[in-house]
């Protein structure tokens, strides 16, 4: 039954209704049990896929565009994805094993700009009409909850959209170079047609709600030029350039003002009350001062707890590496709950799977040697990323850019699903999307292909959709996710167990594996072991003896095969029972002998 959202969106924070709309869904016991899926509303689904052909992997040229320039230009514009489209694809996502949706920003954008990504908010109290309505958002959350799924909304409070102009010698301009003082002058508000106007005449002009229509609520410091602290600067100082400047042309809010910070807190309390969402992914946390972040997170957490969401997730995007992220993570609940493993951790994951780095480089993050090691060791405070919409701190290339077997990207996600942390799949990864900016750098658009058949389709196509539950990557991710989601001891061990990189013997004695070799790790919980083996050699099969936890096994025992990457499609959908691998003992060491095909993966318990 639908939860009604009456009337137009509020225009002011005064009298804002922060009462939850009908039933409130409690938070999960622990977010370690979840599998996240991140999508951009504009690029995922418009609900019209039934009227379009599905991309045929056997004939990839069939829908390939002839005009590459037009295709690239289309990537800079809204494609037409909607909230209703997402709702219609919840079954596809549940079949993949997804338990939590992370939905890119849905807030109203400027009508005159093509900020399809959603990060340039014009109206903080409404949904962008190109995506749908506030009712559509609530219906989506209710439908997800009905399937046992949770929903994270992507929120921005560091900045607003390009909603007003600077004054440069009487000329209206969207940005100016950074300066600390004095604040740059304002020329006027941006109108619905992109002109500079002195007065806001309609809901499409300037910025809303009305409280945000104050020039002194903005730092007016100009565009950020230095994105990281200088060696002589304190990294947490609120007056650093990257905290006071504009994010390109997006206007920075003066969150050192109590009234401005209180306003954005009320905005996002309102969206919790209206949507019944289960957490926030918080954008550009590094560009907000530590104190503003703490106060925002504390207020949101208190509100969520007051309505029955005891574990409302506050997931921060903190660029600048582990040293910066560590400052914003607070295990005692005064700041963000978890951070995204963007940058170096994501690169290490890709290098492990592709066999270009020693496995110890990836697994070393979880042993306390990394600056975030203490957080990563528990698995509670980090979200594992492979592909994403920005690729900050690494080449702007999806894992499959340049080609490669879809089984390999599935097993890269398999690493996420079987190692410590909260795994997150970026939309299209399960269809082996290969987006890449030319030269591996530059425009993010190439990482944001359309799934549903718009003019900026994946693989340089248009007019075809990519929702293929029979895709080799989809099938394998779904099979591994099904193991992780199991309610028995195997599933619990994969979600919460301790983790150990295993010594292997490929013929020269037991040692930790090197780049390109067969790699294995165990998850242990009480008396249960789950062993995961991965061939990081994509060209040839590998065989090895792999160490297991001897106290959990006895002479003559065996481990049961739960997953093989070389199973046929019907076996991936309905795993066969009965295949076992004996545990052998040599000099007190327990081991199993495995052989894996190129880029193959096996899971045993």
Protein backbone atom coordinates (compact mmCIF):
# COMPACT_ATOMS: atom_id res chain seq x y z
CA UNK A 1 0.00 0.00 0.00
CA UNK A 2 1.40 3.38 -1.02
CA UNK A 3 2.45 5.93 1.56
CA UNK A 4 0.85 9.20 0.33
CA UNK A 5 3.04 12.31 0.02
CA UNK A 6 0.52 15.16 -0.31
CA UNK A 7 0.86 18.65 -1.69
CA UNK A 8 3.69 20.54 -3.42
CA UNK A 9 7.21 20.58 -2.04
CA UNK A 10 7.69 23.08 0.81
CA UNK A 11 9.27 26.41 -0.12
CA UNK A 12 10.60 27.24 3.33
CA UNK A 13 12.08 25.46 6.32
CA UNK A 14 9.70 27.31 8.62
CA UNK A 15 7.17 24.82 9.94
CA UNK A 16 8.79 21.93 8.08
CA UNK A 17 7.06 18.66 8.96
CA UNK A 18 9.65 16.28 10.40
CA UNK A 19 7.11 13.66 11.42
CA UNK A 20 7.73 10.29 9.73
CA UNK A 21 5.15 9.40 7.09
CA UNK A 22 3.44 6.28 8.43
CA UNK A 23 5.58 3.21 9.27
CA UNK A 24 9.32 3.53 9.93
CA UNK A 25 11.55 0.61 8.97
CA UNK A 26 14.23 -0.17 11.56
CA UNK A 27 17.91 -0.17 10.58
CA UNK A 28 19.83 -3.42 9.99
CA UNK A 29 21.65 -4.90 12.96
CA UNK A 30 24.99 -4.40 11.19
CA UNK A 31 25.79 -2.99 7.77
CA UNK A 32 28.43 -5.72 7.35
CA UNK A 33 25.57 -7.98 6.31
CA UNK A 34 24.66 -5.80 3.32
CA UNK A 35 25.63 -5.78 -0.36
CA UNK A 36 25.38 -2.28 -1.82
CA UNK A 37 24.61 -1.33 -5.42
CA UNK A 38 25.32 2.22 -6.55
CA UNK A 39 23.42 3.74 -9.47
CA UNK A 40 22.83 7.15 -11.02
CA UNK A 41 19.08 7.69 -11.52
CA UNK A 42 19.55 9.34 -14.92
CA UNK A 43 21.59 6.44 -16.30
CA UNK A 44 19.92 3.32 -14.86
CA UNK A 45 16.36 2.84 -16.15
CA UNK A 46 13.52 4.85 -17.66
CA UNK A 47 11.10 1.93 -17.38
CA UNK A 48 10.87 1.53 -21.15
CA UNK A 49 13.24 -1.36 -21.72
CA UNK A 50 10.42 -3.71 -22.74
CA UNK A 51 10.06 -1.70 -25.93
CA UNK A 52 13.74 -1.95 -26.84
CA UNK A 53 15.96 -4.87 -27.82
CA UNK A 54 18.55 -6.15 -25.40
CA UNK A 55 22.19 -5.80 -26.33
CA UNK A 56 23.45 -8.98 -27.97
CA UNK A 57 26.97 -9.86 -26.78
CA UNK A 58 27.35 -12.19 -29.75
CA UNK A 59 26.72 -9.29 -32.16
CA UNK A 60 28.17 -6.22 -30.42
CA UNK A 61 28.24 -4.15 -33.62
CA UNK A 62 24.48 -4.33 -34.10
CA UNK A 63 23.71 -1.23 -32.03
CA UNK A 64 27.10 0.47 -32.26
CA UNK A 65 26.73 4.15 -33.21
CA UNK A 66 28.38 5.42 -36.37
CA UNK A 67 28.67 9.01 -35.13
CA UNK A 68 31.04 8.81 -32.16
CA UNK A 69 31.01 12.57 -31.68
CA UNK A 70 27.22 12.60 -31.22
CA UNK A 71 27.47 9.68 -28.79
CA UNK A 72 30.11 11.48 -26.72
CA UNK A 73 28.05 14.67 -26.69
CA UNK A 74 25.01 12.71 -25.50
CA UNK A 75 27.01 11.68 -22.44
CA UNK A 76 27.01 15.28 -21.19
CA UNK A 77 23.20 15.50 -21.14
CA UNK A 78 20.31 14.02 -19.21
CA UNK A 79 19.46 10.60 -20.64
CA UNK A 80 16.03 10.12 -19.10
CA UNK A 81 16.34 7.61 -16.25
CA UNK A 82 13.65 7.84 -13.56
CA UNK A 83 12.79 6.72 -10.06
CA UNK A 84 9.91 4.64 -11.41
CA UNK A 85 12.41 2.96 -13.72
CA UNK A 86 14.53 1.97 -10.72
CA UNK A 87 11.46 0.62 -8.94
CA UNK A 88 10.69 -1.56 -11.95
CA UNK A 89 14.16 -3.10 -11.81
CA UNK A 90 14.26 -4.07 -8.14
CA UNK A 91 13.73 -7.72 -9.07
CA UNK A 92 16.79 -7.61 -11.34
CA UNK A 93 18.85 -6.20 -8.45
CA UNK A 94 17.47 -8.64 -5.87
CA UNK A 95 18.32 -11.48 -8.24
CA UNK A 96 21.90 -10.22 -8.34
CA UNK A 97 22.04 -10.49 -4.55
CA UNK A 98 21.83 -6.77 -3.80
CA UNK A 99 20.42 -5.95 -0.37
CA UNK A 100 20.91 -2.15 -0.28
CA UNK A 101 20.52 0.48 -3.00
CA UNK A 102 22.73 3.55 -2.98
CA UNK A 103 20.87 5.97 -5.21
CA UNK A 104 22.72 8.95 -6.67
CA UNK A 105 21.30 12.39 -5.81
CA UNK A 106 17.63 12.84 -6.73
CA UNK A 107 17.27 16.50 -5.68
CA UNK A 108 16.00 19.16 -8.06
CA UNK A 109 18.70 20.48 -10.39
CA UNK A 110 18.84 23.70 -12.36
CA UNK A 111 16.46 23.54 -15.36
CA UNK A 112 18.97 25.33 -17.59
CA UNK A 113 22.01 23.13 -16.85
CA UNK A 114 22.76 19.51 -17.71
CA UNK A 115 23.80 18.38 -14.21
CA UNK A 116 22.44 14.88 -14.87
CA UNK A 117 24.61 13.50 -12.05
CA UNK A 118 22.50 15.30 -9.45
CA UNK A 119 25.28 17.00 -7.48
CA UNK A 120 24.25 20.60 -8.33
CA UNK A 121 21.18 21.15 -6.17
CA UNK A 122 18.82 24.03 -6.99
CA UNK A 123 15.95 23.04 -4.67
CA UNK A 124 16.82 21.11 -1.53
CA UNK A 125 13.18 20.27 -0.76
CA UNK A 126 12.08 18.70 -4.04
CA UNK A 127 12.91 15.84 -6.39
CA UNK A 128 14.10 16.74 -9.88
CA UNK A 129 11.06 16.43 -12.19
CA UNK A 130 13.24 14.66 -14.76
CA UNK A 131 13.63 11.85 -12.22
CA UNK A 132 10.05 11.95 -10.95
CA UNK A 133 8.30 13.18 -7.82
CA UNK A 134 8.59 12.96 -4.07
CA UNK A 135 5.84 10.33 -4.27
CA UNK A 136 7.95 8.30 -6.70
CA UNK A 137 10.84 8.40 -4.25
CA UNK A 138 8.69 7.18 -1.37
CA UNK A 139 7.18 4.47 -3.57
CA UNK A 140 10.68 3.30 -4.50
CA UNK A 141 11.79 3.08 -0.87
CA UNK A 142 8.57 1.29 0.12
CA UNK A 143 8.97 -1.20 -2.75
CA UNK A 144 12.59 -1.87 -1.79
CA UNK A 145 11.61 -2.40 1.84
CA UNK A 146 8.91 -4.80 0.68
CA UNK A 147 11.64 -6.94 -0.92
CA UNK A 148 13.77 -6.86 2.21
CA UNK A 149 16.17 -4.24 0.81
CA UNK A 150 17.46 -0.98 2.26
CA UNK A 151 18.00 2.39 0.56
CA UNK A 152 20.80 4.95 0.94
CA UNK A 153 20.25 8.45 -0.45
CA UNK A 154 23.20 10.45 -1.76
CA UNK A 155 23.22 13.83 0.02
CA UNK A 156 25.21 17.01 -0.52
CA UNK A 157 25.61 19.79 2.01
CA UNK A 158 29.05 21.15 1.22
CA UNK A 159 27.67 23.15 -1.69
CA UNK A 160 24.63 24.07 -3.75
CA UNK A 161 24.33 24.18 -7.53
CA UNK A 162 25.45 27.03 -9.78
CA UNK A 163 22.53 29.12 -8.55
CA UNK A 164 24.02 32.61 -8.61
CA UNK A 165 26.68 34.60 -10.44
CA UNK A 166 29.82 36.31 -9.28
CA UNK A 167 30.41 39.91 -10.27
CA UNK A 168 33.59 40.45 -12.29
CA UNK A 169 33.80 44.15 -13.06
CA UNK A 170 30.07 44.30 -13.68
CA UNK A 171 29.95 41.04 -15.67
CA UNK A 172 28.02 37.98 -14.47
CA UNK A 173 30.33 34.92 -14.31
CA UNK A 174 29.86 31.45 -12.84
CA UNK A 175 33.25 31.29 -11.17
CA UNK A 176 36.26 33.33 -10.13
CA UNK A 177 39.73 32.35 -8.88
CA UNK A 178 39.98 31.48 -5.21
CA UNK A 179 40.73 34.19 -2.66
CA UNK A 180 40.52 34.00 1.11
CA UNK A 181 39.31 37.55 1.73
CA UNK A 182 37.27 39.57 1.09
CA UNK A 183 34.34 37.54 -0.27
CA UNK A 184 33.76 38.02 -3.97
CA UNK A 185 30.71 40.17 -4.79
CA UNK A 186 27.49 38.62 -6.12
CA UNK A 187 26.11 39.84 -9.45
CA UNK A 188 22.68 38.20 -9.26
CA UNK A 189 20.66 35.00 -9.06
CA UNK A 190 20.63 32.55 -11.93
CA UNK A 191 17.22 32.50 -13.61
CA UNK A 192 15.43 29.52 -15.16
CA UNK A 193 16.95 30.50 -18.51
CA UNK A 194 20.48 31.10 -17.19
CA UNK A 195 20.36 34.90 -16.97
CA UNK A 196 21.54 36.94 -14.00
CA UNK A 197 18.55 38.48 -12.20
CA UNK A 198 18.31 40.62 -9.08
CA UNK A 199 15.11 39.03 -7.79
CA UNK A 200 13.95 35.43 -7.65
CA UNK A 201 10.62 35.30 -9.44
CA UNK A 202 9.81 31.59 -9.68
CA UNK A 203 10.66 28.20 -8.22
CA UNK A 204 13.07 27.65 -11.15
CA UNK A 205 15.09 30.80 -10.34
CA UNK A 206 17.91 31.01 -7.82
CA UNK A 207 17.94 28.49 -4.99
CA UNK A 208 15.32 27.04 -2.65
CA UNK A 209 14.12 26.91 0.11
CA UNK A 210 13.97 30.64 0.78
CA UNK A 211 16.41 30.42 3.69
CA UNK A 212 19.20 29.65 1.21
CA UNK A 213 18.59 32.94 -0.63
CA UNK A 214 21.13 34.84 1.46
CA UNK A 215 24.49 35.86 0.07
CA UNK A 216 26.12 35.60 3.50
CA UNK A 217 25.31 31.87 3.63
CA UNK A 218 28.01 31.30 1.00
CA UNK A 219 31.77 31.61 1.40
CA UNK A 220 32.00 33.38 -1.99
CA UNK A 221 35.69 32.50 -2.12
CA UNK A 222 35.83 31.36 -5.76
CA UNK A 223 36.85 28.07 -7.32
CA UNK A 224 39.18 25.68 -5.48
CA UNK A 225 42.65 25.70 -6.99
CA UNK A 226 44.49 23.57 -4.41
CA UNK A 227 42.58 20.36 -3.66
CA UNK A 228 44.81 19.14 -0.85
CA UNK A 229 46.53 20.75 2.14
CA UNK A 230 50.01 22.10 1.70
CA UNK A 231 52.75 20.42 3.80
CA UNK A 232 52.80 23.40 6.14
CA UNK A 233 48.99 23.46 6.63
CA UNK A 234 47.09 21.61 9.32
CA UNK A 235 44.96 19.15 7.33
CA UNK A 236 41.87 19.74 9.51
CA UNK A 237 41.95 23.53 9.57
CA UNK A 238 38.55 24.87 8.46
CA UNK A 239 40.13 27.74 6.51
CA UNK A 240 42.05 25.53 4.08
CA UNK A 241 41.32 26.45 0.48
CA UNK A 242 39.77 23.10 -0.39
CA UNK A 243 37.23 23.61 2.42
CA UNK A 244 36.27 27.20 1.67
CA UNK A 245 36.36 27.25 -2.11
CA UNK A 246 33.71 26.31 -4.63
CA UNK A 247 33.63 22.80 -6.07
CA UNK A 248 34.18 24.05 -9.64
CA UNK A 249 31.06 26.23 -10.27
CA UNK A 250 29.03 24.68 -7.42
CA UNK A 251 28.69 27.30 -4.71
CA UNK A 252 30.23 26.55 -1.31
CA UNK A 253 28.02 26.94 1.77
CA UNK A 254 29.37 28.81 4.80
CA UNK A 255 28.84 25.98 7.25
CA UNK A 256 30.75 27.79 9.97
CA UNK A 257 27.48 29.72 10.38
CA UNK A 258 25.18 27.94 12.83
CA UNK A 259 22.06 29.00 10.94
CA UNK A 260 23.32 27.66 7.60
CA UNK A 261 24.41 24.34 9.11
CA UNK A 262 21.14 24.01 11.02
CA UNK A 263 19.27 24.58 7.77
CA UNK A 264 20.96 21.73 5.90
CA UNK A 265 20.43 19.48 8.91
CA UNK A 266 16.69 20.23 8.82
CA UNK A 267 16.65 19.60 5.05
CA UNK A 268 17.95 16.09 5.43
CA UNK A 269 15.85 15.30 8.52
CA UNK A 270 12.90 16.14 6.28
CA UNK A 271 14.02 13.64 3.64
CA UNK A 272 14.38 10.87 6.23
CA UNK A 273 10.87 11.61 7.49
CA UNK A 274 9.43 11.74 3.98
CA UNK A 275 11.23 8.82 2.33
CA UNK A 276 11.97 6.43 5.23
CA UNK A 277 15.45 5.93 3.74
CA UNK A 278 17.94 3.90 5.76
CA UNK A 279 21.13 5.91 5.46
CA UNK A 280 23.03 8.63 3.65
CA UNK A 281 26.06 8.55 1.43
CA UNK A 282 27.55 11.97 2.17
CA UNK A 283 29.27 13.71 -0.73
CA UNK A 284 32.60 15.59 -0.57
CA UNK A 285 33.13 15.14 3.17
CA UNK A 286 36.77 16.23 2.94
CA UNK A 287 35.60 19.67 1.75
CA UNK A 288 33.57 20.18 4.93
CA UNK A 289 35.32 21.04 8.17
CA UNK A 290 35.66 18.26 10.74
CA UNK A 291 33.49 20.20 13.19
CA UNK A 292 30.70 20.84 10.66
CA UNK A 293 30.76 17.17 9.67
CA UNK A 294 30.62 16.07 13.30
CA UNK A 295 27.69 18.38 14.06
CA UNK A 296 25.79 17.33 10.94
CA UNK A 297 26.33 13.62 11.57
CA UNK A 298 25.47 13.91 15.24
CA UNK A 299 22.21 15.74 14.57
CA UNK A 300 21.15 13.32 11.82
CA UNK A 301 22.01 10.30 13.96
CA UNK A 302 20.02 11.66 16.92
CA UNK A 303 16.98 12.30 14.72
CA UNK A 304 17.17 8.85 13.14
CA UNK A 305 17.44 7.19 16.55
CA UNK A 306 14.47 9.20 17.81
CA UNK A 307 12.20 7.68 15.13
CA UNK A 308 13.44 4.09 15.49
CA UNK A 309 16.41 3.86 13.11
CA UNK A 310 19.13 2.92 15.58
CA UNK A 311 21.81 2.23 13.02
CA UNK A 312 21.16 4.79 10.28
CA UNK A 313 24.26 4.60 8.06
CA UNK A 314 26.35 7.71 7.47
CA UNK A 315 28.76 6.74 4.70
CA UNK A 316 31.31 9.39 3.81
CA UNK A 317 33.15 10.09 0.59
CA UNK A 318 36.50 11.26 1.96
CA UNK A 319 39.10 11.84 -0.74
CA UNK A 320 42.74 12.51 0.07
CA UNK A 321 43.74 9.03 1.19
CA UNK A 322 43.59 7.13 4.46
CA UNK A 323 45.17 9.91 6.52
CA UNK A 324 42.30 12.26 5.69
CA UNK A 325 39.61 9.60 6.00
CA UNK A 326 40.85 8.58 9.44
CA UNK A 327 40.07 12.04 10.81
CA UNK A 328 36.40 11.80 9.84
CA UNK A 329 35.85 8.20 10.96
CA UNK A 330 34.74 8.01 14.56
CA UNK A 331 34.01 4.60 16.04
CA UNK A 332 32.18 6.24 18.94
CA UNK A 333 29.52 7.71 16.68
CA UNK A 334 30.41 11.39 16.55
CA UNK A 335 31.12 11.53 12.82
CA UNK A 336 30.70 9.31 9.75
CA UNK A 337 30.21 5.59 10.36
CA UNK A 338 32.13 4.32 7.34
CA UNK A 339 34.15 5.59 4.40
CA UNK A 340 34.34 4.53 0.78
CA UNK A 341 37.52 2.71 -0.23
CA UNK A 342 38.12 4.98 -3.20
CA UNK A 343 41.54 5.62 -4.67
CA UNK A 344 44.40 3.38 -3.57
CA UNK A 345 42.35 0.52 -2.04
CA UNK A 346 40.31 0.18 -5.23
CA UNK A 347 43.49 0.15 -7.32
CA UNK A 348 45.00 -2.56 -5.11
CA UNK A 349 41.87 -4.65 -5.55
CA UNK A 350 42.04 -4.40 -9.35
CA UNK A 351 45.79 -5.12 -9.38
CA UNK A 352 45.29 -8.22 -7.22
CA UNK A 353 42.66 -9.71 -9.52
CA UNK A 354 44.57 -8.87 -12.70
CA UNK A 355 47.74 -10.43 -11.30
CA UNK A 356 49.80 -7.26 -11.54
CA UNK A 357 50.62 -6.94 -7.82
CA UNK A 358 51.49 -9.32 -5.01
CA UNK A 359 48.38 -10.33 -3.04
CA UNK A 360 50.07 -9.16 0.17
CA UNK A 361 49.72 -5.57 -1.05
CA UNK A 362 45.92 -5.87 -1.04
CA UNK A 363 45.59 -8.05 2.06
CA UNK A 364 48.15 -5.97 3.96
CA UNK A 365 45.47 -3.27 4.31
CA UNK A 366 43.61 -5.49 6.76
CA UNK A 367 46.51 -6.31 9.07
CA UNK A 368 46.87 -2.96 10.84
CA UNK A 369 49.80 -1.82 8.68
CA UNK A 370 47.68 0.58 6.63
CA UNK A 371 46.76 3.92 8.18
CA UNK A 372 43.15 2.72 8.26
CA UNK A 373 44.12 -0.82 9.15
CA UNK A 374 42.40 -0.77 12.52
CA UNK A 375 39.17 0.24 10.85
CA UNK A 376 39.50 -2.14 7.92
CA UNK A 377 40.34 -5.06 10.20
CA UNK A 378 36.86 -5.06 11.71
CA UNK A 379 35.08 -4.79 8.38
CA UNK A 380 32.57 -2.35 9.85
CA UNK A 381 33.98 0.97 8.77
CA UNK A 382 34.80 0.73 5.10
CA UNK A 383 32.87 0.11 1.90
CA UNK A 384 34.76 -1.74 -0.83
CA UNK A 385 34.64 -0.17 -4.30
CA UNK A 386 35.83 -1.55 -7.65
CA UNK A 387 34.25 0.72 -10.27
CA UNK A 388 32.54 4.03 -9.48
CA UNK A 389 31.33 7.24 -11.12
CA UNK A 390 34.42 9.37 -10.39
CA UNK A 391 37.47 7.10 -10.04
CA UNK A 392 39.10 9.72 -7.81
CA UNK A 393 42.81 9.12 -7.30
CA UNK A 394 43.17 6.60 -10.13
CA UNK A 395 42.80 6.32 -13.88
CA UNK A 396 39.24 6.95 -15.02
CA UNK A 397 38.71 3.47 -16.41
CA UNK A 398 36.28 0.77 -15.42
CA UNK A 399 37.80 -2.60 -14.54
CA UNK A 400 36.82 -4.05 -17.94
CA UNK A 401 38.16 -1.12 -20.00
CA UNK A 402 40.29 -2.46 -22.82
CA UNK A 403 38.50 -5.80 -22.88
CA UNK A 404 38.83 -8.92 -20.81
CA UNK A 405 36.68 -11.88 -19.85
CA UNK A 406 33.46 -11.04 -17.98
CA UNK A 407 34.29 -13.86 -15.56
CA UNK A 408 37.26 -11.84 -14.38
CA UNK A 409 35.23 -8.78 -13.38
CA UNK A 410 32.76 -11.12 -11.68
CA UNK A 411 35.59 -12.54 -9.60
CA UNK A 412 36.86 -9.04 -8.81
CA UNK A 413 33.42 -8.45 -7.28
CA UNK A 414 33.80 -11.92 -5.74
CA UNK A 415 36.84 -10.64 -3.87
CA UNK A 416 34.72 -7.77 -2.54
CA UNK A 417 32.02 -10.20 -1.46
CA UNK A 418 34.41 -12.51 0.39
CA UNK A 419 36.82 -10.09 2.09
CA UNK A 420 36.37 -7.78 5.07
CA UNK A 421 34.13 -4.78 4.60
CA UNK A 422 30.81 -3.80 3.04
CA UNK A 423 30.89 -4.58 -0.70
CA UNK A 424 29.48 -2.12 -3.23
CA UNK A 425 28.78 -2.92 -6.90
CA UNK A 426 28.62 0.00 -9.34
CA UNK A 427 25.83 -0.24 -11.88
CA UNK A 428 26.88 -1.90 -15.13
CA UNK A 429 29.76 -3.81 -13.55
CA UNK A 430 27.57 -6.92 -13.54
CA UNK A 431 27.25 -6.44 -17.33
CA UNK A 432 31.03 -5.91 -17.75
CA UNK A 433 30.71 -2.26 -18.82
CA UNK A 434 34.04 -1.00 -20.16
CA UNK A 435 33.75 2.79 -19.86
CA UNK A 436 36.99 4.74 -19.96
CA UNK A 437 37.94 8.36 -20.44
CA UNK A 438 40.35 8.85 -23.35
CA UNK A 439 43.85 8.34 -22.01
CA UNK A 440 42.41 7.14 -18.72
CA UNK A 441 41.85 10.67 -17.49
CA UNK A 442 39.54 13.61 -18.02
CA UNK A 443 35.77 13.57 -18.35
CA UNK A 444 33.77 11.39 -15.97
CA UNK A 445 30.97 10.89 -18.49
CA UNK A 446 32.62 7.75 -19.90
CA UNK A 447 32.19 6.03 -16.53
CA UNK A 448 28.45 6.78 -16.55
CA UNK A 449 27.00 4.84 -19.45
CA UNK A 450 23.26 4.37 -19.88
CA UNK A 451 21.85 0.95 -18.92
CA UNK A 452 18.40 1.35 -20.41
CA UNK A 453 18.92 2.24 -24.07
CA UNK A 454 19.46 5.97 -24.22
CA UNK A 455 21.67 7.75 -26.71
CA UNK A 456 24.74 7.17 -24.52
CA UNK A 457 24.59 3.41 -24.15
CA UNK A 458 27.47 1.27 -23.01
CA UNK A 459 29.96 -0.03 -25.59
CA UNK A 460 29.22 3.06 -27.77
CA UNK A 461 25.67 1.98 -28.49
CA UNK A 462 22.24 3.56 -28.55
CA UNK A 463 18.73 2.16 -28.54
CA UNK A 464 19.40 -1.12 -26.69
CA UNK A 465 19.27 -2.02 -23.00
CA UNK A 466 21.65 -4.10 -20.86
CA UNK A 467 19.45 -5.80 -18.27
CA UNK A 468 20.67 -9.33 -18.93
CA UNK A 469 20.34 -11.73 -15.96
CA UNK A 470 22.00 -14.40 -18.11
CA UNK A 471 25.22 -12.41 -18.57
CA UNK A 472 28.30 -14.39 -17.42
CA UNK A 473 29.30 -11.68 -14.95
CA UNK A 474 25.77 -11.32 -13.55
CA UNK A 475 25.38 -15.08 -13.05
CA UNK A 476 28.69 -15.42 -11.19
CA UNK A 477 28.21 -12.38 -9.00
CA UNK A 478 24.72 -13.62 -8.13
CA UNK A 479 26.04 -17.09 -7.24
CA UNK A 480 28.76 -15.71 -4.93
CA UNK A 481 26.36 -13.16 -3.41
CA UNK A 482 23.90 -15.98 -2.68
CA UNK A 483 26.59 -17.66 -0.55
CA UNK A 484 27.33 -14.44 1.31
CA UNK A 485 23.63 -13.80 1.93
CA UNK A 486 22.95 -17.27 3.32
CA UNK A 487 21.40 -17.34 6.78
CA UNK A 488 23.57 -20.28 7.89
CA UNK A 489 27.10 -20.39 9.31
CA UNK A 490 28.69 -20.18 5.84
CA UNK A 491 26.97 -16.88 5.11
CA UNK A 492 27.70 -15.51 8.56
CA UNK A 493 31.36 -16.43 8.23
CA UNK A 494 31.67 -14.71 4.86
CA UNK A 495 30.10 -11.56 6.29
CA UNK A 496 31.69 -11.36 9.72
CA UNK A 497 34.53 -13.84 10.04
CA UNK A 498 38.22 -13.12 10.58
CA UNK A 499 40.33 -13.17 7.43
CA UNK A 500 43.74 -14.66 6.63
CA UNK A 501 45.77 -14.72 3.44
CA UNK A 502 46.89 -18.33 2.97
CA UNK A 503 50.29 -19.76 2.15
CA UNK A 504 50.31 -21.86 -1.01
CA UNK A 505 52.66 -24.36 -2.62
CA UNK A 506 52.88 -24.45 -6.41
CA UNK A 507 55.84 -26.80 -6.30
CA UNK A 508 58.59 -24.94 -4.45
CA UNK A 509 57.37 -25.11 -0.87
CA UNK A 510 54.75 -23.18 1.08
CA UNK A 511 54.94 -19.39 0.93
CA UNK A 512 52.65 -16.45 0.40
CA UNK A 513 51.67 -16.17 -3.29
CA UNK A 514 53.21 -13.68 -5.67
CA UNK A 515 51.66 -11.60 -8.47
CA UNK A 516 49.92 -13.71 -11.06
CA UNK A 517 49.80 -16.86 -8.95
CA UNK A 518 46.94 -18.80 -7.40
CA UNK A 519 45.89 -16.83 -4.33
CA UNK A 520 43.72 -17.97 -1.44
CA UNK A 521 42.29 -16.60 1.78
CA UNK A 522 40.12 -17.95 4.59
CA UNK A 523 37.28 -16.47 6.59
CA UNK A 524 37.00 -17.99 10.07
CA UNK A 525 34.17 -17.68 12.58
CA UNK A 526 34.18 -19.81 15.74
CA UNK A 527 34.51 -23.32 14.27
CA UNK A 528 33.67 -22.57 10.64
CA UNK A 529 36.13 -21.98 7.80
CA UNK A 530 35.28 -20.75 4.31
CA UNK A 531 38.17 -20.92 1.84
CA UNK A 532 38.30 -18.74 -1.28
CA UNK A 533 40.80 -19.42 -4.05
CA UNK A 534 41.46 -17.17 -7.06
CA UNK A 535 43.72 -17.70 -10.05
CA UNK A 536 45.14 -14.24 -10.73
CA UNK A 537 46.74 -15.56 -13.92
CA UNK A 538 44.34 -14.75 -16.74
CA UNK A 539 46.22 -16.75 -19.40
CA UNK A 540 46.76 -20.24 -17.99
CA UNK A 541 45.48 -22.63 -15.31
CA UNK A 542 47.22 -22.89 -11.95
CA UNK A 543 47.37 -25.66 -9.37
CA UNK A 544 48.57 -25.44 -5.80
CA UNK A 545 48.28 -26.86 -2.32
CA UNK A 546 46.54 -24.30 -0.12
CA UNK A 547 46.85 -24.10 3.65
CA UNK A 548 43.65 -24.48 5.68
CA UNK A 549 43.01 -24.06 9.41
CA UNK A 550 44.14 -27.47 10.67
CA UNK A 551 42.25 -27.40 14.03
CA UNK A 552 38.94 -27.27 12.11
CA UNK A 553 39.74 -30.41 10.10
CA UNK A 554 40.72 -33.96 10.89
CA UNK A 555 42.49 -36.70 9.00
CA UNK A 556 40.24 -38.00 6.24
CA UNK A 557 37.96 -34.96 6.22
CA UNK A 558 37.04 -32.97 3.13
CA UNK A 559 35.80 -29.50 2.15
CA UNK A 560 32.69 -29.08 0.03
CA UNK A 561 32.80 -27.02 -3.15
CA UNK A 562 30.21 -24.23 -2.93
CA UNK A 563 31.18 -22.29 -6.05
CA UNK A 564 33.25 -22.78 -9.17
CA UNK A 565 33.67 -20.04 -11.75
CA UNK A 566 33.77 -22.61 -14.55
CA UNK A 567 30.33 -24.07 -13.78
CA UNK A 568 27.77 -23.98 -16.58
CA UNK A 569 24.97 -21.41 -16.46
CA UNK A 570 22.42 -23.83 -15.01
CA UNK A 571 24.89 -24.87 -12.31
CA UNK A 572 25.52 -21.24 -11.37
CA UNK A 573 21.77 -20.77 -10.97
CA UNK A 574 21.32 -24.05 -9.07
CA UNK A 575 24.67 -25.11 -7.59
CA UNK A 576 25.34 -28.85 -7.68
CA UNK A 577 25.93 -30.69 -4.42
CA UNK A 578 28.41 -33.39 -3.62
CA UNK A 579 31.75 -32.19 -5.01
CA UNK A 580 34.35 -32.40 -2.27
CA UNK A 581 38.09 -31.84 -1.96
CA UNK A 582 40.01 -33.92 0.62
CA UNK A 583 42.06 -32.22 3.30
CA UNK A 584 45.59 -33.63 3.41
CA UNK A 585 48.07 -33.27 6.25
CA UNK A 586 51.81 -32.85 5.88
CA UNK A 587 54.10 -32.01 8.84
CA UNK A 588 51.07 -30.87 10.83
CA UNK A 589 49.85 -28.54 8.09
CA UNK A 590 46.38 -29.05 6.65
CA UNK A 591 45.95 -28.27 2.98
CA UNK A 592 43.72 -28.81 -0.04
CA UNK A 593 44.94 -29.38 -3.59
CA UNK A 594 43.15 -27.20 -6.15
CA UNK A 595 43.46 -26.47 -9.85
CA UNK A 596 41.76 -23.39 -11.27
CA UNK A 597 41.33 -22.30 -14.88
CA UNK A 598 42.60 -18.87 -16.01
CA UNK A 599 41.02 -16.14 -13.84
CA UNK A 600 39.02 -18.87 -12.09
CA UNK A 601 37.60 -18.77 -8.57
CA UNK A 602 36.51 -21.52 -6.17
CA UNK A 603 34.83 -21.30 -2.75
CA UNK A 604 34.80 -24.22 -0.30
CA UNK A 605 33.58 -24.84 3.24
